[in-house]
Amino acid sequence: MNMLNRGALCVAIATLFSAHAVAAPKKPAAKPAAAAAAPVAVKDIELVHTLGADKGAQLQKLVDRYNAAHPQAKVVLHDRAWNEGSLPHLMILGERDLTSFLAGPQRYRPLHQVMKDSGERFETLRAPAMMTPTPIDSADALLVESIKAQQGQIKTLRDENETLKARLAKIEARLDAASPHDKRASR
Protein backbone atom coordinates (compact mmCIF):
# COMPACT_ATOMS: atom_id res chain seq x y z
CA MET A 1 0.00 0.00 0.00
CA ASN A 2 1.56 3.29 -0.98
CA MET A 3 1.94 6.23 1.40
CA LEU A 4 -1.06 8.23 0.14
CA ASN A 5 -3.42 5.25 0.39
CA ARG A 6 -2.07 4.46 3.87
CA GLY A 7 -2.59 8.08 4.91
CA ALA A 8 -6.14 8.14 3.51
CA LEU A 9 -6.90 4.85 5.25
CA CYS A 10 -5.57 6.18 8.57
CA VAL A 11 -7.72 9.31 8.30
CA ALA A 12 -10.80 7.26 7.47
CA ILE A 13 -10.23 4.83 10.33
CA ALA A 14 -9.59 7.70 12.75
CA THR A 15 -12.84 9.26 11.57
CA LEU A 16 -14.59 5.93 11.94
CA PHE A 17 -13.49 5.53 15.54
CA SER A 18 -14.40 9.11 16.34
CA ALA A 19 -17.84 8.80 14.74
CA HIS A 20 -19.34 7.93 18.11
CA ALA A 21 -18.59 11.50 19.11
CA VAL A 22 -21.01 12.72 16.44
CA ALA A 23 -23.61 10.04 17.11
CA ALA A 24 -23.65 10.38 20.90
CA PRO A 25 -22.87 13.77 22.46
CA LYS A 26 -20.68 13.78 25.54
CA LYS A 27 -23.36 15.25 27.84
CA PRO A 28 -26.87 14.28 26.69
CA ALA A 29 -29.77 16.44 27.76
CA ALA A 30 -31.93 15.20 30.62
CA LYS A 31 -34.91 13.13 29.39
CA PRO A 32 -38.22 12.48 31.08
CA ALA A 33 -38.58 9.08 32.80
CA ALA A 34 -41.08 7.87 30.18
CA ALA A 35 -38.69 8.63 27.34
CA ALA A 36 -35.88 6.69 29.05
CA ALA A 37 -37.77 3.42 28.55
CA ALA A 38 -38.10 4.00 24.78
CA PRO A 39 -35.57 2.08 22.63
CA VAL A 40 -32.77 4.15 21.14
CA ALA A 41 -32.88 4.32 17.34
CA VAL A 42 -29.71 3.02 15.73
CA LYS A 43 -28.24 5.46 13.25
CA ASP A 44 -26.61 3.94 10.17
CA ILE A 45 -23.34 5.55 9.16
CA GLU A 46 -22.29 4.73 5.61
CA LEU A 47 -18.57 4.11 5.02
CA VAL A 48 -17.67 3.92 1.34
CA HIS A 49 -14.41 2.45 0.05
CA THR A 50 -12.86 1.06 -3.11
CA LEU A 51 -10.31 -1.17 -1.40
CA GLY A 52 -11.41 -4.38 -3.07
CA ALA A 53 -12.42 -7.70 -1.54
CA ASP A 54 -9.27 -8.53 0.49
CA LYS A 55 -8.76 -5.15 2.14
CA GLY A 56 -12.52 -4.69 2.37
CA ALA A 57 -12.75 -7.90 4.43
CA GLN A 58 -10.08 -6.61 6.82
CA LEU A 59 -11.90 -3.29 7.11
CA GLN A 60 -15.15 -5.17 7.79
CA LYS A 61 -13.50 -6.82 10.81
CA LEU A 62 -12.65 -3.37 12.22
CA VAL A 63 -16.17 -2.13 11.53
CA ASP A 64 -17.67 -5.20 13.22
CA ARG A 65 -15.55 -4.53 16.32
CA TYR A 66 -16.64 -0.91 16.32
CA ASN A 67 -20.32 -1.79 15.87
CA ALA A 68 -20.16 -4.30 18.74
CA ALA A 69 -18.67 -1.67 21.07
CA HIS A 70 -21.00 1.17 19.98
CA PRO A 71 -24.60 -0.03 19.63
CA GLN A 72 -25.97 3.53 19.30
CA ALA A 73 -24.43 3.91 15.82
CA LYS A 74 -24.00 1.24 13.18
CA VAL A 75 -21.34 1.61 10.48
CA VAL A 76 -22.33 0.03 7.18
CA LEU A 77 -19.65 -0.64 4.55
CA HIS A 78 -20.22 -0.21 0.85
CA ASP A 79 -17.67 -1.00 -1.83
CA ARG A 80 -18.40 1.76 -4.36
CA ALA A 81 -16.99 5.02 -5.66
CA TRP A 82 -17.73 8.05 -3.48
CA ASN A 83 -19.50 9.86 -6.33
CA GLU A 84 -21.90 7.02 -7.21
CA GLY A 85 -25.17 7.73 -5.48
CA SER A 86 -25.54 9.98 -2.47
CA LEU A 87 -22.55 11.37 -0.62
CA PRO A 88 -21.62 8.96 2.21
CA HIS A 89 -20.97 9.90 5.83
CA LEU A 90 -17.43 8.48 5.71
CA MET A 91 -15.16 7.45 2.87
CA ILE A 92 -11.72 6.07 2.17
CA LEU A 93 -10.35 7.76 -0.90
CA GLY A 94 -7.72 6.32 -3.18
CA GLU A 95 -5.15 8.36 -5.08
CA ARG A 96 -7.32 8.70 -8.17
CA ASP A 97 -10.40 9.75 -6.20
CA LEU A 98 -8.71 12.26 -3.93
CA THR A 99 -8.10 14.92 -6.59
CA SER A 100 -11.65 14.82 -7.96
CA PHE A 101 -13.13 14.87 -4.47
CA LEU A 102 -11.13 17.92 -3.39
CA ALA A 103 -11.53 19.79 -6.72
CA GLY A 104 -15.19 20.74 -6.35
CA PRO A 105 -17.08 22.48 -3.59
CA GLN A 106 -16.29 21.47 -0.02
CA ARG A 107 -18.13 18.21 0.62
CA TYR A 108 -16.67 17.35 3.98
CA ARG A 109 -16.17 18.55 7.53
CA PRO A 110 -12.59 18.30 8.78
CA LEU A 111 -12.14 15.83 11.61
CA HIS A 112 -10.87 18.51 13.98
CA GLN A 113 -14.12 20.43 13.43
CA VAL A 114 -16.26 17.34 14.06
CA MET A 115 -14.43 16.71 17.32
CA LYS A 116 -14.69 20.36 18.40
CA ASP A 117 -18.43 20.50 17.63
CA SER A 118 -19.03 17.33 19.66
CA GLY A 119 -17.03 18.61 22.62
CA GLU A 120 -14.46 15.80 22.35
CA ARG A 121 -10.74 16.32 22.77
CA PHE A 122 -8.79 15.84 19.56
CA GLU A 123 -5.23 14.74 20.20
CA THR A 124 -2.84 14.95 17.31
CA LEU A 125 0.36 13.03 16.96
CA ARG A 126 3.33 13.69 14.74
CA ALA A 127 3.03 11.59 11.59
CA PRO A 128 5.58 8.79 11.20
CA ALA A 129 8.41 9.59 8.79
CA MET A 130 7.07 7.18 6.19
CA MET A 131 3.79 9.15 6.10
CA THR A 132 5.41 12.58 5.93
CA PRO A 133 5.47 13.75 2.32
CA THR A 134 8.81 14.88 0.96
CA PRO A 135 8.31 18.09 -1.00
CA ILE A 136 9.50 17.61 -4.57
CA ASP A 137 8.92 19.51 -7.78
CA SER A 138 7.80 18.13 -11.13
CA ALA A 139 11.38 16.97 -11.87
CA ASP A 140 11.47 14.90 -8.64
CA ALA A 141 13.97 17.35 -7.10
CA LEU A 142 13.71 18.37 -3.45
CA LEU A 143 12.37 21.87 -2.97
CA VAL A 144 14.79 24.51 -1.76
CA GLU A 145 12.79 25.22 1.41
CA SER A 146 13.07 21.58 2.43
CA ILE A 147 16.82 21.59 1.84
CA LYS A 148 17.22 24.79 3.86
CA ALA A 149 15.21 23.31 6.73
CA GLN A 150 17.34 20.17 6.66
CA GLN A 151 20.52 22.26 6.61
CA GLY A 152 19.24 24.16 9.65
CA GLN A 153 18.61 20.87 11.45
CA ILE A 154 22.11 19.66 10.56
CA LYS A 155 23.64 22.90 11.91
CA THR A 156 21.68 22.51 15.15
CA LEU A 157 22.87 18.92 15.52
CA ARG A 158 26.48 19.95 14.84
CA ASP A 159 26.23 22.72 17.45
CA GLU A 160 24.81 20.26 19.98
CA ASN A 161 27.59 17.82 19.12
CA GLU A 162 30.26 20.50 19.70
CA THR A 163 28.65 21.41 23.04
CA LEU A 164 28.71 17.76 24.11
CA LYS A 165 32.35 17.41 23.02
CA ALA A 166 33.29 20.46 25.11
CA ARG A 167 31.45 19.08 28.15
CA LEU A 168 33.16 15.72 27.71
CA ALA A 169 36.58 17.41 27.50
CA LYS A 170 35.87 19.27 30.78
CA ILE A 171 34.84 16.03 32.50
CA GLU A 172 37.96 14.27 31.24
CA ALA A 173 40.11 17.18 32.48
CA ARG A 174 38.52 16.96 35.94
CA LEU A 175 39.16 13.21 36.02
CA ASP A 176 42.79 13.74 34.99
CA ALA A 177 43.26 16.37 37.68
CA ALA A 178 41.58 14.28 40.37
CA SER A 179 43.59 11.09 39.88
CA PRO A 180 46.85 11.54 37.93
CA HIS A 181 48.48 8.48 39.59
CA ASP A 182 45.62 6.14 38.72
CA LYS A 183 45.73 7.17 35.07
CA ARG A 184 49.50 6.48 34.77
CA ALA A 185 49.08 3.09 36.45
CA SER A 186 46.37 2.06 33.98
CA ARG A 187 48.60 2.77 30.94
C-alpha atoms as a PDB file:
ATOM      1  CA  MET A   1       0.000   0.000   0.000  1.00  0.00           C
ATOM      2  CA  ASN A   2       1.565   3.293  -0.981  1.00  0.00           C
ATOM      3  CA  MET A   3       1.939   6.233   1.401  1.00  0.00           C
ATOM      4  CA  LEU A   4      -1.063   8.229   0.136  1.00  0.00           C
ATOM      5  CA  ASN A   5      -3.422   5.254   0.394  1.00  0.00           C
ATOM      6  CA  ARG A   6      -2.066   4.456   3.865  1.00  0.00           C
ATOM      7  CA  GLY A   7      -2.594   8.077   4.912  1.00  0.00           C
ATOM      8  CA  ALA A   8      -6.144   8.137   3.507  1.00  0.00           C
ATOM      9  CA  LEU A   9      -6.900   4.849   5.251  1.00  0.00           C
ATOM     10  CA  CYS A  10      -5.567   6.184   8.574  1.00  0.00           C
ATOM     11  CA  VAL A  11      -7.717   9.313   8.296  1.00  0.00           C
ATOM     12  CA  ALA A  12     -10.803   7.260   7.470  1.00  0.00           C
ATOM     13  CA  ILE A  13     -10.230   4.834  10.328  1.00  0.00           C
ATOM     14  CA  ALA A  14      -9.588   7.700  12.751  1.00  0.00           C
ATOM     15  CA  THR A  15     -12.843   9.264  11.569  1.00  0.00           C
ATOM     16  CA  LEU A  16     -14.595   5.932  11.945  1.00  0.00           C
ATOM     17  CA  PHE A  17     -13.488   5.527  15.538  1.00  0.00           C
ATOM     18  CA  SER A  18     -14.398   9.113  16.345  1.00  0.00           C
ATOM     19  CA  ALA A  19     -17.838   8.800  14.738  1.00  0.00           C
ATOM     20  CA  HIS A  20     -19.339   7.927  18.105  1.00  0.00           C
ATOM     21  CA  ALA A  21     -18.595  11.504  19.108  1.00  0.00           C
ATOM     22  CA  VAL A  22     -21.013  12.719  16.435  1.00  0.00           C
ATOM     23  CA  ALA A  23     -23.612  10.038  17.106  1.00  0.00           C
ATOM     24  CA  ALA A  24     -23.652  10.376  20.902  1.00  0.00           C
ATOM     25  CA  PRO A  25     -22.868  13.769  22.463  1.00  0.00           C
ATOM     26  CA  LYS A  26     -20.683  13.776  25.543  1.00  0.00           C
ATOM     27  CA  LYS A  27     -23.363  15.248  27.842  1.00  0.00           C
ATOM     28  CA  PRO A  28     -26.874  14.281  26.687  1.00  0.00           C
ATOM     29  CA  ALA A  29     -29.766  16.438  27.762  1.00  0.00           C
ATOM     30  CA  ALA A  30     -31.933  15.199  30.619  1.00  0.00           C
ATOM     31  CA  LYS A  31     -34.909  13.127  29.393  1.00  0.00           C
ATOM     32  CA  PRO A  32     -38.223  12.483  31.082  1.00  0.00           C
ATOM     33  CA  ALA A  33     -38.584   9.083  32.797  1.00  0.00           C
ATOM     34  CA  ALA A  34     -41.080   7.874  30.183  1.00  0.00           C
ATOM     35  CA  ALA A  35     -38.689   8.626  27.340  1.00  0.00           C
ATOM     36  CA  ALA A  36     -35.877   6.692  29.046  1.00  0.00           C
ATOM     37  CA  ALA A  37     -37.767   3.425  28.551  1.00  0.00           C
ATOM     38  CA  ALA A  38     -38.096   3.997  24.781  1.00  0.00           C
ATOM     39  CA  PRO A  39     -35.573   2.081  22.635  1.00  0.00           C
ATOM     40  CA  VAL A  40     -32.775   4.145  21.136  1.00  0.00           C
ATOM     41  CA  ALA A  41     -32.879   4.320  17.343  1.00  0.00           C
ATOM     42  CA  VAL A  42     -29.714   3.015  15.730  1.00  0.00           C
ATOM     43  CA  LYS A  43     -28.237   5.455  13.254  1.00  0.00           C
ATOM     44  CA  ASP A  44     -26.607   3.936  10.173  1.00  0.00           C
ATOM     45  CA  ILE A  45     -23.342   5.546   9.157  1.00  0.00           C
ATOM     46  CA  GLU A  46     -22.286   4.735   5.613  1.00  0.00           C
ATOM     47  CA  LEU A  47     -18.573   4.105   5.022  1.00  0.00           C
ATOM     48  CA  VAL A  48     -17.667   3.916   1.344  1.00  0.00           C
ATOM     49  CA  HIS A  49     -14.414   2.448   0.050  1.00  0.00           C
ATOM     50  CA  THR A  50     -12.857   1.058  -3.114  1.00  0.00           C
ATOM     51  CA  LEU A  51     -10.312  -1.172  -1.402  1.00  0.00           C
ATOM     52  CA  GLY A  52     -11.412  -4.381  -3.074  1.00  0.00           C
ATOM     53  CA  ALA A  53     -12.420  -7.703  -1.542  1.00  0.00           C
ATOM     54  CA  ASP A  54      -9.271  -8.530   0.493  1.00  0.00           C
ATOM     55  CA  LYS A  55      -8.757  -5.153   2.144  1.00  0.00           C
ATOM     56  CA  GLY A  56     -12.519  -4.691   2.370  1.00  0.00           C
ATOM     57  CA  ALA A  57     -12.753  -7.899   4.432  1.00  0.00           C
ATOM     58  CA  GLN A  58     -10.084  -6.608   6.820  1.00  0.00           C
ATOM     59  CA  LEU A  59     -11.899  -3.292   7.110  1.00  0.00           C
ATOM     60  CA  GLN A  60     -15.155  -5.170   7.785  1.00  0.00           C
ATOM     61  CA  LYS A  61     -13.501  -6.817  10.807  1.00  0.00           C
ATOM     62  CA  LEU A  62     -12.652  -3.371  12.215  1.00  0.00           C
ATOM     63  CA  VAL A  63     -16.168  -2.133  11.533  1.00  0.00           C
ATOM     64  CA  ASP A  64     -17.669  -5.204  13.223  1.00  0.00           C
ATOM     65  CA  ARG A  65     -15.550  -4.532  16.324  1.00  0.00           C
ATOM     66  CA  TYR A  66     -16.641  -0.909  16.321  1.00  0.00           C
ATOM     67  CA  ASN A  67     -20.320  -1.795  15.868  1.00  0.00           C
ATOM     68  CA  ALA A  68     -20.160  -4.305  18.742  1.00  0.00           C
ATOM     69  CA  ALA A  69     -18.671  -1.669  21.068  1.00  0.00           C
ATOM     70  CA  HIS A  70     -20.995   1.174  19.978  1.00  0.00           C
ATOM     71  CA  PRO A  71     -24.600  -0.028  19.632  1.00  0.00           C
ATOM     72  CA  GLN A  72     -25.968   3.527  19.298  1.00  0.00           C
ATOM     73  CA  ALA A  73     -24.433   3.908  15.825  1.00  0.00           C
ATOM     74  CA  LYS A  74     -24.000   1.241  13.178  1.00  0.00           C
ATOM     75  CA  VAL A  75     -21.342   1.606  10.483  1.00  0.00           C
ATOM     76  CA  VAL A  76     -22.334   0.028   7.181  1.00  0.00           C
ATOM     77  CA  LEU A  77     -19.645  -0.644   4.552  1.00  0.00           C
ATOM     78  CA  HIS A  78     -20.225  -0.206   0.848  1.00  0.00           C
ATOM     79  CA  ASP A  79     -17.668  -0.995  -1.832  1.00  0.00           C
ATOM     80  CA  ARG A  80     -18.402   1.759  -4.355  1.00  0.00           C
ATOM     81  CA  ALA A  81     -16.986   5.020  -5.658  1.00  0.00           C
ATOM     82  CA  TRP A  82     -17.729   8.053  -3.478  1.00  0.00           C
ATOM     83  CA  ASN A  83     -19.501   9.861  -6.334  1.00  0.00           C
ATOM     84  CA  GLU A  84     -21.897   7.015  -7.214  1.00  0.00           C
ATOM     85  CA  GLY A  85     -25.174   7.734  -5.484  1.00  0.00           C
ATOM     86  CA  SER A  86     -25.544   9.984  -2.475  1.00  0.00           C
ATOM     87  CA  LEU A  87     -22.551  11.371  -0.622  1.00  0.00           C
ATOM     88  CA  PRO A  88     -21.621   8.958   2.205  1.00  0.00           C
ATOM     89  CA  HIS A  89     -20.974   9.899   5.830  1.00  0.00           C
ATOM     90  CA  LEU A  90     -17.431   8.479   5.714  1.00  0.00           C
ATOM     91  CA  MET A  91     -15.165   7.454   2.875  1.00  0.00           C
ATOM     92  CA  ILE A  92     -11.724   6.070   2.175  1.00  0.00           C
ATOM     93  CA  LEU A  93     -10.348   7.761  -0.904  1.00  0.00           C
ATOM     94  CA  GLY A  94      -7.716   6.317  -3.182  1.00  0.00           C
ATOM     95  CA  GLU A  95      -5.153   8.362  -5.082  1.00  0.00           C
ATOM     96  CA  ARG A  96      -7.325   8.702  -8.172  1.00  0.00           C
ATOM     97  CA  ASP A  97     -10.402   9.752  -6.205  1.00  0.00           C
ATOM     98  CA  LEU A  98      -8.713  12.259  -3.928  1.00  0.00           C
ATOM     99  CA  THR A  99      -8.104  14.917  -6.586  1.00  0.00           C
ATOM    100  CA  SER A 100     -11.647  14.821  -7.960  1.00  0.00           C
ATOM    101  CA  PHE A 101     -13.128  14.868  -4.468  1.00  0.00           C
ATOM    102  CA  LEU A 102     -11.134  17.919  -3.386  1.00  0.00           C
ATOM    103  CA  ALA A 103     -11.525  19.786  -6.720  1.00  0.00           C
ATOM    104  CA  GLY A 104     -15.189  20.744  -6.345  1.00  0.00           C
ATOM    105  CA  PRO A 105     -17.081  22.482  -3.586  1.00  0.00           C
ATOM    106  CA  GLN A 106     -16.292  21.472  -0.016  1.00  0.00           C
ATOM    107  CA  ARG A 107     -18.131  18.212   0.620  1.00  0.00           C
ATOM    108  CA  TYR A 108     -16.673  17.350   3.983  1.00  0.00           C
ATOM    109  CA  ARG A 109     -16.166  18.548   7.534  1.00  0.00           C
ATOM    110  CA  PRO A 110     -12.592  18.304   8.776  1.00  0.00           C
ATOM    111  CA  LEU A 111     -12.141  15.827  11.612  1.00  0.00           C
ATOM    112  CA  HIS A 112     -10.866  18.512  13.981  1.00  0.00           C
ATOM    113  CA  GLN A 113     -14.117  20.431  13.427  1.00  0.00           C
ATOM    114  CA  VAL A 114     -16.264  17.341  14.057  1.00  0.00           C
ATOM    115  CA  MET A 115     -14.426  16.712  17.320  1.00  0.00           C
ATOM    116  CA  LYS A 116     -14.692  20.361  18.395  1.00  0.00           C
ATOM    117  CA  ASP A 117     -18.425  20.505  17.630  1.00  0.00           C
ATOM    118  CA  SER A 118     -19.032  17.332  19.655  1.00  0.00           C
ATOM    119  CA  GLY A 119     -17.027  18.607  22.618  1.00  0.00           C
ATOM    120  CA  GLU A 120     -14.463  15.801  22.354  1.00  0.00           C
ATOM    121  CA  ARG A 121     -10.736  16.316  22.767  1.00  0.00           C
ATOM    122  CA  PHE A 122      -8.789  15.843  19.559  1.00  0.00           C
ATOM    123  CA  GLU A 123      -5.228  14.742  20.205  1.00  0.00           C
ATOM    124  CA  THR A 124      -2.843  14.954  17.312  1.00  0.00           C
ATOM    125  CA  LEU A 125       0.355  13.029  16.958  1.00  0.00           C
ATOM    126  CA  ARG A 126       3.330  13.688  14.739  1.00  0.00           C
ATOM    127  CA  ALA A 127       3.026  11.588  11.588  1.00  0.00           C
ATOM    128  CA  PRO A 128       5.578   8.792  11.197  1.00  0.00           C
ATOM    129  CA  ALA A 129       8.409   9.587   8.789  1.00  0.00           C
ATOM    130  CA  MET A 130       7.072   7.178   6.186  1.00  0.00           C
ATOM    131  CA  MET A 131       3.790   9.149   6.095  1.00  0.00           C
ATOM    132  CA  THR A 132       5.409  12.579   5.925  1.00  0.00           C
ATOM    133  CA  PRO A 133       5.475  13.752   2.325  1.00  0.00           C
ATOM    134  CA  THR A 134       8.811  14.879   0.959  1.00  0.00           C
ATOM    135  CA  PRO A 135       8.313  18.089  -0.997  1.00  0.00           C
ATOM    136  CA  ILE A 136       9.498  17.605  -4.573  1.00  0.00           C
ATOM    137  CA  ASP A 137       8.923  19.514  -7.775  1.00  0.00           C
ATOM    138  CA  SER A 138       7.802  18.130 -11.129  1.00  0.00           C
ATOM    139  CA  ALA A 139      11.378  16.969 -11.867  1.00  0.00           C
ATOM    140  CA  ASP A 140      11.467  14.898  -8.641  1.00  0.00           C
ATOM    141  CA  ALA A 141      13.967  17.347  -7.100  1.00  0.00           C
ATOM    142  CA  LEU A 142      13.712  18.374  -3.446  1.00  0.00           C
ATOM    143  CA  LEU A 143      12.371  21.869  -2.971  1.00  0.00           C
ATOM    144  CA  VAL A 144      14.792  24.514  -1.764  1.00  0.00           C
ATOM    145  CA  GLU A 145      12.788  25.222   1.414  1.00  0.00           C
ATOM    146  CA  SER A 146      13.069  21.582   2.434  1.00  0.00           C
ATOM    147  CA  ILE A 147      16.821  21.587   1.843  1.00  0.00           C
ATOM    148  CA  LYS A 148      17.221  24.789   3.863  1.00  0.00           C
ATOM    149  CA  ALA A 149      15.209  23.308   6.729  1.00  0.00           C
ATOM    150  CA  GLN A 150      17.337  20.166   6.664  1.00  0.00           C
ATOM    151  CA  GLN A 151      20.519  22.264   6.607  1.00  0.00           C
ATOM    152  CA  GLY A 152      19.241  24.155   9.655  1.00  0.00           C
ATOM    153  CA  GLN A 153      18.609  20.872  11.452  1.00  0.00           C
ATOM    154  CA  ILE A 154      22.106  19.661  10.561  1.00  0.00           C
ATOM    155  CA  LYS A 155      23.639  22.901  11.908  1.00  0.00           C
ATOM    156  CA  THR A 156      21.675  22.509  15.151  1.00  0.00           C
ATOM    157  CA  LEU A 157      22.873  18.917  15.520  1.00  0.00           C
ATOM    158  CA  ARG A 158      26.477  19.950  14.843  1.00  0.00           C
ATOM    159  CA  ASP A 159      26.226  22.724  17.451  1.00  0.00           C
ATOM    160  CA  GLU A 160      24.809  20.263  19.979  1.00  0.00           C
ATOM    161  CA  ASN A 161      27.594  17.821  19.118  1.00  0.00           C
ATOM    162  CA  GLU A 162      30.256  20.504  19.705  1.00  0.00           C
ATOM    163  CA  THR A 163      28.647  21.406  23.037  1.00  0.00           C
ATOM    164  CA  LEU A 164      28.711  17.761  24.109  1.00  0.00           C
ATOM    165  CA  LYS A 165      32.349  17.408  23.024  1.00  0.00           C
ATOM    166  CA  ALA A 166      33.291  20.463  25.112  1.00  0.00           C
ATOM    167  CA  ARG A 167      31.452  19.082  28.149  1.00  0.00           C
ATOM    168  CA  LEU A 168      33.161  15.716  27.712  1.00  0.00           C
ATOM    169  CA  ALA A 169      36.577  17.408  27.503  1.00  0.00           C
ATOM    170  CA  LYS A 170      35.869  19.267  30.778  1.00  0.00           C
ATOM    171  CA  ILE A 171      34.836  16.033  32.499  1.00  0.00           C
ATOM    172  CA  GLU A 172      37.963  14.268  31.237  1.00  0.00           C
ATOM    173  CA  ALA A 173      40.113  17.185  32.480  1.00  0.00           C
ATOM    174  CA  ARG A 174      38.520  16.961  35.937  1.00  0.00           C
ATOM    175  CA  LEU A 175      39.158  13.213  36.016  1.00  0.00           C
ATOM    176  CA  ASP A 176      42.792  13.736  34.991  1.00  0.00           C
ATOM    177  CA  ALA A 177      43.265  16.367  37.684  1.00  0.00           C
ATOM    178  CA  ALA A 178      41.585  14.281  40.375  1.00  0.00           C
ATOM    179  CA  SER A 179      43.587  11.087  39.875  1.00  0.00           C
ATOM    180  CA  PRO A 180      46.851  11.543  37.926  1.00  0.00           C
ATOM    181  CA  HIS A 181      48.480   8.480  39.589  1.00  0.00           C
ATOM    182  CA  ASP A 182      45.617   6.141  38.718  1.00  0.00           C
ATOM    183  CA  LYS A 183      45.733   7.168  35.070  1.00  0.00           C
ATOM    184  CA  ARG A 184      49.496   6.480  34.771  1.00  0.00           C
ATOM    185  CA  ALA A 185      49.081   3.091  36.449  1.00  0.00           C
ATOM    186  CA  SER A 186      46.373   2.056  33.977  1.00  0.00           C
ATOM    187  CA  ARG A 187      48.602   2.772  30.943  1.00  0.00           C
END
